[in-house]
């Protein structure tokens, strides 16, 4: 829905005009209520980010938490530490039966729960800080996370999952 909203606004503003990629970018940000400053780092900051995922399941609370931490390596163009980028992490939870679980509620860094759309099986987590925790509520069984679905971001993934 976010991309579609951005495209609709882009055509509303610029149909038939000669425009720049900045115009496209601004329509995407405006349509989705984002400022996008750390998204622009993809264009100005060298290096492939590494995202480390640590997962836990609380059976009593029926809650699954994934903590994501990003690092961007120092490259030859600078000795300065790299800033956190906007990284969209599409995630689903796979149940013991091998089927996608329905995701109902999500909280970010302990903030209030966000209701997810009905029948939602994939959520896009907006990783835009160095480290963030995302908690899914109403998870009835220990899931296996399916992280970076549909190659949602070009990053290196390190996780604590094992066979």
C-alpha atoms as a PDB file:
ATOM      1  CA  UNK A   1       0.000   0.000   0.000  1.00  0.00           C
ATOM      2  CA  UNK A   2       2.810   2.477   0.778  1.00  0.00           C
ATOM      3  CA  UNK A   3       4.391   2.260  -2.649  1.00  0.00           C
ATOM      4  CA  UNK A   4       1.017   2.564  -4.350  1.00  0.00           C
ATOM      5  CA  UNK A   5       0.128   5.644  -2.281  1.00  0.00           C
ATOM      6  CA  UNK A   6       3.443   7.197  -3.274  1.00  0.00           C
ATOM      7  CA  UNK A   7       2.942   6.436  -6.957  1.00  0.00           C
ATOM      8  CA  UNK A   8      -0.565   7.905  -6.897  1.00  0.00           C
ATOM      9  CA  UNK A   9       0.723  11.123  -5.321  1.00  0.00           C
ATOM     10  CA  UNK A  10       3.662  11.254  -7.724  1.00  0.00           C
ATOM     11  CA  UNK A  11       1.356  11.075 -10.760  1.00  0.00           C
ATOM     12  CA  UNK A  12      -1.084  13.539  -9.199  1.00  0.00           C
ATOM     13  CA  UNK A  13       1.729  16.063  -8.763  1.00  0.00           C
ATOM     14  CA  UNK A  14       3.855  15.421 -11.830  1.00  0.00           C
ATOM     15  CA  UNK A  15       1.923  13.645 -14.609  1.00  0.00           C
ATOM     16  CA  UNK A  16       3.195  14.921 -17.952  1.00  0.00           C
ATOM     17  CA  UNK A  17       6.039  16.945 -16.422  1.00  0.00           C
ATOM     18  CA  UNK A  18       9.806  16.612 -16.659  1.00  0.00           C
ATOM     19  CA  UNK A  19      10.822  15.713 -13.111  1.00  0.00           C
ATOM     20  CA  UNK A  20      13.762  14.428 -11.089  1.00  0.00           C
ATOM     21  CA  UNK A  21      14.286  11.419  -8.861  1.00  0.00           C
ATOM     22  CA  UNK A  22      14.079  13.862  -5.943  1.00  0.00           C
ATOM     23  CA  UNK A  23      10.479  14.608  -6.969  1.00  0.00           C
ATOM     24  CA  UNK A  24       9.706  10.880  -6.955  1.00  0.00           C
ATOM     25  CA  UNK A  25      11.405  10.444  -3.593  1.00  0.00           C
ATOM     26  CA  UNK A  26       9.511  13.373  -2.055  1.00  0.00           C
ATOM     27  CA  UNK A  27       6.153  12.037  -3.254  1.00  0.00           C
ATOM     28  CA  UNK A  28       6.954   8.658  -1.673  1.00  0.00           C
ATOM     29  CA  UNK A  29       7.884  10.265   1.645  1.00  0.00           C
ATOM     30  CA  UNK A  30       4.915  12.659   1.701  1.00  0.00           C
ATOM     31  CA  UNK A  31       2.384   9.949   0.851  1.00  0.00           C
ATOM     32  CA  UNK A  32       3.620   7.738   3.666  1.00  0.00           C
ATOM     33  CA  UNK A  33       4.169  10.321   6.400  1.00  0.00           C
ATOM     34  CA  UNK A  34       7.930   9.784   6.518  1.00  0.00           C
ATOM     35  CA  UNK A  35      10.728  12.330   6.590  1.00  0.00           C
ATOM     36  CA  UNK A  36      13.112   9.803   5.077  1.00  0.00           C
ATOM     37  CA  UNK A  37      16.349  11.518   6.019  1.00  0.00           C
ATOM     38  CA  UNK A  38      18.066   8.301   7.016  1.00  0.00           C
ATOM     39  CA  UNK A  39      16.718   6.655   3.840  1.00  0.00           C
ATOM     40  CA  UNK A  40      18.806   9.126   1.813  1.00  0.00           C
ATOM     41  CA  UNK A  41      21.911   7.639   3.437  1.00  0.00           C
ATOM     42  CA  UNK A  42      21.551   4.736   0.975  1.00  0.00           C
ATOM     43  CA  UNK A  43      22.703   7.227  -1.679  1.00  0.00           C
ATOM     44  CA  UNK A  44      25.399   9.085   0.228  1.00  0.00           C
ATOM     45  CA  UNK A  45      26.926   6.572   2.640  1.00  0.00           C
ATOM     46  CA  UNK A  46      29.095   3.743   1.293  1.00  0.00           C
ATOM     47  CA  UNK A  47      29.027   0.212   2.669  1.00  0.00           C
ATOM     48  CA  UNK A  48      26.565  -2.658   2.946  1.00  0.00           C
ATOM     49  CA  UNK A  49      24.802  -2.686   6.328  1.00  0.00           C
ATOM     50  CA  UNK A  50      24.836  -5.781   8.493  1.00  0.00           C
ATOM     51  CA  UNK A  51      21.655  -6.448  10.453  1.00  0.00           C
ATOM     52  CA  UNK A  52      21.958  -8.722  13.479  1.00  0.00           C
ATOM     53  CA  UNK A  53      18.715 -10.337  14.633  1.00  0.00           C
ATOM     54  CA  UNK A  54      18.224 -11.775  18.126  1.00  0.00           C
ATOM     55  CA  UNK A  55      14.913 -13.559  18.768  1.00  0.00           C
ATOM     56  CA  UNK A  56      13.044 -14.696  21.858  1.00  0.00           C
ATOM     57  CA  UNK A  57       9.651 -16.233  22.579  1.00  0.00           C
ATOM     58  CA  UNK A  58       7.758 -15.866  25.859  1.00  0.00           C
ATOM     59  CA  UNK A  59       5.240 -18.734  25.977  1.00  0.00           C
ATOM     60  CA  UNK A  60       3.442 -17.376  29.064  1.00  0.00           C
ATOM     61  CA  UNK A  61       2.917 -13.939  27.512  1.00  0.00           C
ATOM     62  CA  UNK A  62       2.449 -15.394  24.006  1.00  0.00           C
ATOM     63  CA  UNK A  63       4.915 -12.813  22.714  1.00  0.00           C
ATOM     64  CA  UNK A  64       7.692 -13.028  20.149  1.00  0.00           C
ATOM     65  CA  UNK A  65      10.407 -10.377  20.228  1.00  0.00           C
ATOM     66  CA  UNK A  66      13.011  -9.687  17.602  1.00  0.00           C
ATOM     67  CA  UNK A  67      15.782  -7.214  18.347  1.00  0.00           C
ATOM     68  CA  UNK A  68      17.516  -5.830  15.284  1.00  0.00           C
ATOM     69  CA  UNK A  69      20.848  -4.027  15.350  1.00  0.00           C
ATOM     70  CA  UNK A  70      22.469  -2.464  12.330  1.00  0.00           C
ATOM     71  CA  UNK A  71      26.096  -1.680  11.636  1.00  0.00           C
ATOM     72  CA  UNK A  72      27.544  -0.066   8.547  1.00  0.00           C
ATOM     73  CA  UNK A  73      31.236  -0.786   8.019  1.00  0.00           C
ATOM     74  CA  UNK A  74      33.852   1.933   7.874  1.00  0.00           C
ATOM     75  CA  UNK A  75      34.959   2.356   4.276  1.00  0.00           C
ATOM     76  CA  UNK A  76      37.917   4.020   2.594  1.00  0.00           C
ATOM     77  CA  UNK A  77      35.942   7.221   1.948  1.00  0.00           C
ATOM     78  CA  UNK A  78      35.804   8.221   5.640  1.00  0.00           C
ATOM     79  CA  UNK A  79      37.010   7.357   9.105  1.00  0.00           C
ATOM     80  CA  UNK A  80      33.839   8.712  10.674  1.00  0.00           C
ATOM     81  CA  UNK A  81      31.315   6.258  12.138  1.00  0.00           C
ATOM     82  CA  UNK A  82      28.396   5.576   9.808  1.00  0.00           C
ATOM     83  CA  UNK A  83      24.895   6.752  10.699  1.00  0.00           C
ATOM     84  CA  UNK A  84      21.970   4.323  11.083  1.00  0.00           C
ATOM     85  CA  UNK A  85      20.079   3.893   7.834  1.00  0.00           C
ATOM     86  CA  UNK A  86      16.403   3.246   7.155  1.00  0.00           C
ATOM     87  CA  UNK A  87      16.159  -0.497   6.571  1.00  0.00           C
ATOM     88  CA  UNK A  88      12.762  -2.055   5.785  1.00  0.00           C
ATOM     89  CA  UNK A  89      12.728  -5.556   7.250  1.00  0.00           C
ATOM     90  CA  UNK A  90       9.807  -7.642   6.013  1.00  0.00           C
ATOM     91  CA  UNK A  91       9.119 -10.430   8.501  1.00  0.00           C
ATOM     92  CA  UNK A  92       6.669 -13.244   8.906  1.00  0.00           C
ATOM     93  CA  UNK A  93       6.358 -15.864  11.621  1.00  0.00           C
ATOM     94  CA  UNK A  94       6.099 -19.505  10.628  1.00  0.00           C
ATOM     95  CA  UNK A  95       4.276 -21.777  13.058  1.00  0.00           C
ATOM     96  CA  UNK A  96       5.114 -25.363  14.063  1.00  0.00           C
ATOM     97  CA  UNK A  97       2.774 -26.575  11.292  1.00  0.00           C
ATOM     98  CA  UNK A  98       4.928 -24.821   8.662  1.00  0.00           C
ATOM     99  CA  UNK A  99       2.254 -22.233   7.842  1.00  0.00           C
ATOM    100  CA  UNK A 100       2.452 -18.469   8.189  1.00  0.00           C
ATOM    101  CA  UNK A 101       0.992 -17.227  11.456  1.00  0.00           C
ATOM    102  CA  UNK A 102      -1.453 -14.323  11.445  1.00  0.00           C
ATOM    103  CA  UNK A 103       0.147 -11.228  12.997  1.00  0.00           C
ATOM    104  CA  UNK A 104      -2.261  -9.115  15.052  1.00  0.00           C
ATOM    105  CA  UNK A 105      -0.318  -6.667  17.238  1.00  0.00           C
ATOM    106  CA  UNK A 106       3.137  -5.129  17.141  1.00  0.00           C
ATOM    107  CA  UNK A 107       4.974  -2.797  19.494  1.00  0.00           C
ATOM    108  CA  UNK A 108       8.274  -1.045  18.835  1.00  0.00           C
ATOM    109  CA  UNK A 109      10.757  -0.441  21.655  1.00  0.00           C
ATOM    110  CA  UNK A 110       8.062  -0.970  24.289  1.00  0.00           C
ATOM    111  CA  UNK A 111       5.653   1.635  22.901  1.00  0.00           C
ATOM    112  CA  UNK A 112       1.919   0.938  22.732  1.00  0.00           C
ATOM    113  CA  UNK A 113       0.651  -1.877  20.551  1.00  0.00           C
ATOM    114  CA  UNK A 114      -0.163  -1.205  16.922  1.00  0.00           C
ATOM    115  CA  UNK A 115      -3.039  -3.220  15.455  1.00  0.00           C
ATOM    116  CA  UNK A 116      -1.987  -4.885  12.214  1.00  0.00           C
ATOM    117  CA  UNK A 117      -4.393  -5.352   9.288  1.00  0.00           C
ATOM    118  CA  UNK A 118      -6.695  -8.402   9.387  1.00  0.00           C
ATOM    119  CA  UNK A 119      -5.095 -11.623   8.093  1.00  0.00           C
ATOM    120  CA  UNK A 120      -1.639  -9.990   8.079  1.00  0.00           C
ATOM    121  CA  UNK A 121       1.130 -12.575   7.672  1.00  0.00           C
ATOM    122  CA  UNK A 122       3.997 -10.232   6.789  1.00  0.00           C
ATOM    123  CA  UNK A 123       4.885  -6.993   8.579  1.00  0.00           C
ATOM    124  CA  UNK A 124       7.498  -4.497   7.445  1.00  0.00           C
ATOM    125  CA  UNK A 125       9.572  -3.365  10.406  1.00  0.00           C
ATOM    126  CA  UNK A 126      11.081   0.100  10.019  1.00  0.00           C
ATOM    127  CA  UNK A 127      14.599  -0.241  11.368  1.00  0.00           C
ATOM    128  CA  UNK A 128      15.840   3.347  11.490  1.00  0.00           C
ATOM    129  CA  UNK A 129      17.933   3.388  14.666  1.00  0.00           C
ATOM    130  CA  UNK A 130      21.100   1.516  15.535  1.00  0.00           C
ATOM    131  CA  UNK A 131      19.144  -0.975  17.666  1.00  0.00           C
ATOM    132  CA  UNK A 132      15.392  -1.563  18.001  1.00  0.00           C
ATOM    133  CA  UNK A 133      13.132  -4.238  19.483  1.00  0.00           C
ATOM    134  CA  UNK A 134       9.871  -5.316  17.866  1.00  0.00           C
ATOM    135  CA  UNK A 135       7.375  -7.402  19.847  1.00  0.00           C
ATOM    136  CA  UNK A 136       4.512  -9.351  18.334  1.00  0.00           C
ATOM    137  CA  UNK A 137       1.627 -10.134  20.710  1.00  0.00           C
ATOM    138  CA  UNK A 138      -0.890 -13.008  20.538  1.00  0.00           C
ATOM    139  CA  UNK A 139       1.642 -15.511  19.182  1.00  0.00           C
ATOM    140  CA  UNK A 140       0.214 -18.876  20.286  1.00  0.00           C
ATOM    141  CA  UNK A 141       3.275 -21.071  19.628  1.00  0.00           C
ATOM    142  CA  UNK A 142       7.027 -20.626  19.251  1.00  0.00           C
ATOM    143  CA  UNK A 143       7.558 -19.464  15.668  1.00  0.00           C
ATOM    144  CA  UNK A 144      10.458 -19.494  13.271  1.00  0.00           C
ATOM    145  CA  UNK A 145      10.929 -15.982  11.907  1.00  0.00           C
ATOM    146  CA  UNK A 146      11.125 -15.505   8.159  1.00  0.00           C
ATOM    147  CA  UNK A 147      13.326 -12.405   7.970  1.00  0.00           C
ATOM    148  CA  UNK A 148      13.892 -10.121   4.952  1.00  0.00           C
ATOM    149  CA  UNK A 149      11.004 -11.601   2.993  1.00  0.00           C
ATOM    150  CA  UNK A 150      11.016 -10.789  -0.700  1.00  0.00           C
ATOM    151  CA  UNK A 151      14.516  -9.355  -0.246  1.00  0.00           C
ATOM    152  CA  UNK A 152      13.071  -6.299   1.502  1.00  0.00           C
ATOM    153  CA  UNK A 153      16.524  -4.733   1.969  1.00  0.00           C
ATOM    154  CA  UNK A 154      19.986  -5.348   0.485  1.00  0.00           C
ATOM    155  CA  UNK A 155      21.785  -6.125   3.742  1.00  0.00           C
ATOM    156  CA  UNK A 156      23.851  -8.864   5.309  1.00  0.00           C
ATOM    157  CA  UNK A 157      21.836 -10.770   7.921  1.00  0.00           C
ATOM    158  CA  UNK A 158      23.308 -12.379  11.019  1.00  0.00           C
ATOM    159  CA  UNK A 159      20.908 -14.252  13.300  1.00  0.00           C
ATOM    160  CA  UNK A 160      20.778 -16.518  16.325  1.00  0.00           C
ATOM    161  CA  UNK A 161      18.620 -19.163  14.663  1.00  0.00           C
ATOM    162  CA  UNK A 162      19.823 -22.745  14.506  1.00  0.00           C
ATOM    163  CA  UNK A 163      18.415 -26.019  13.224  1.00  0.00           C
END
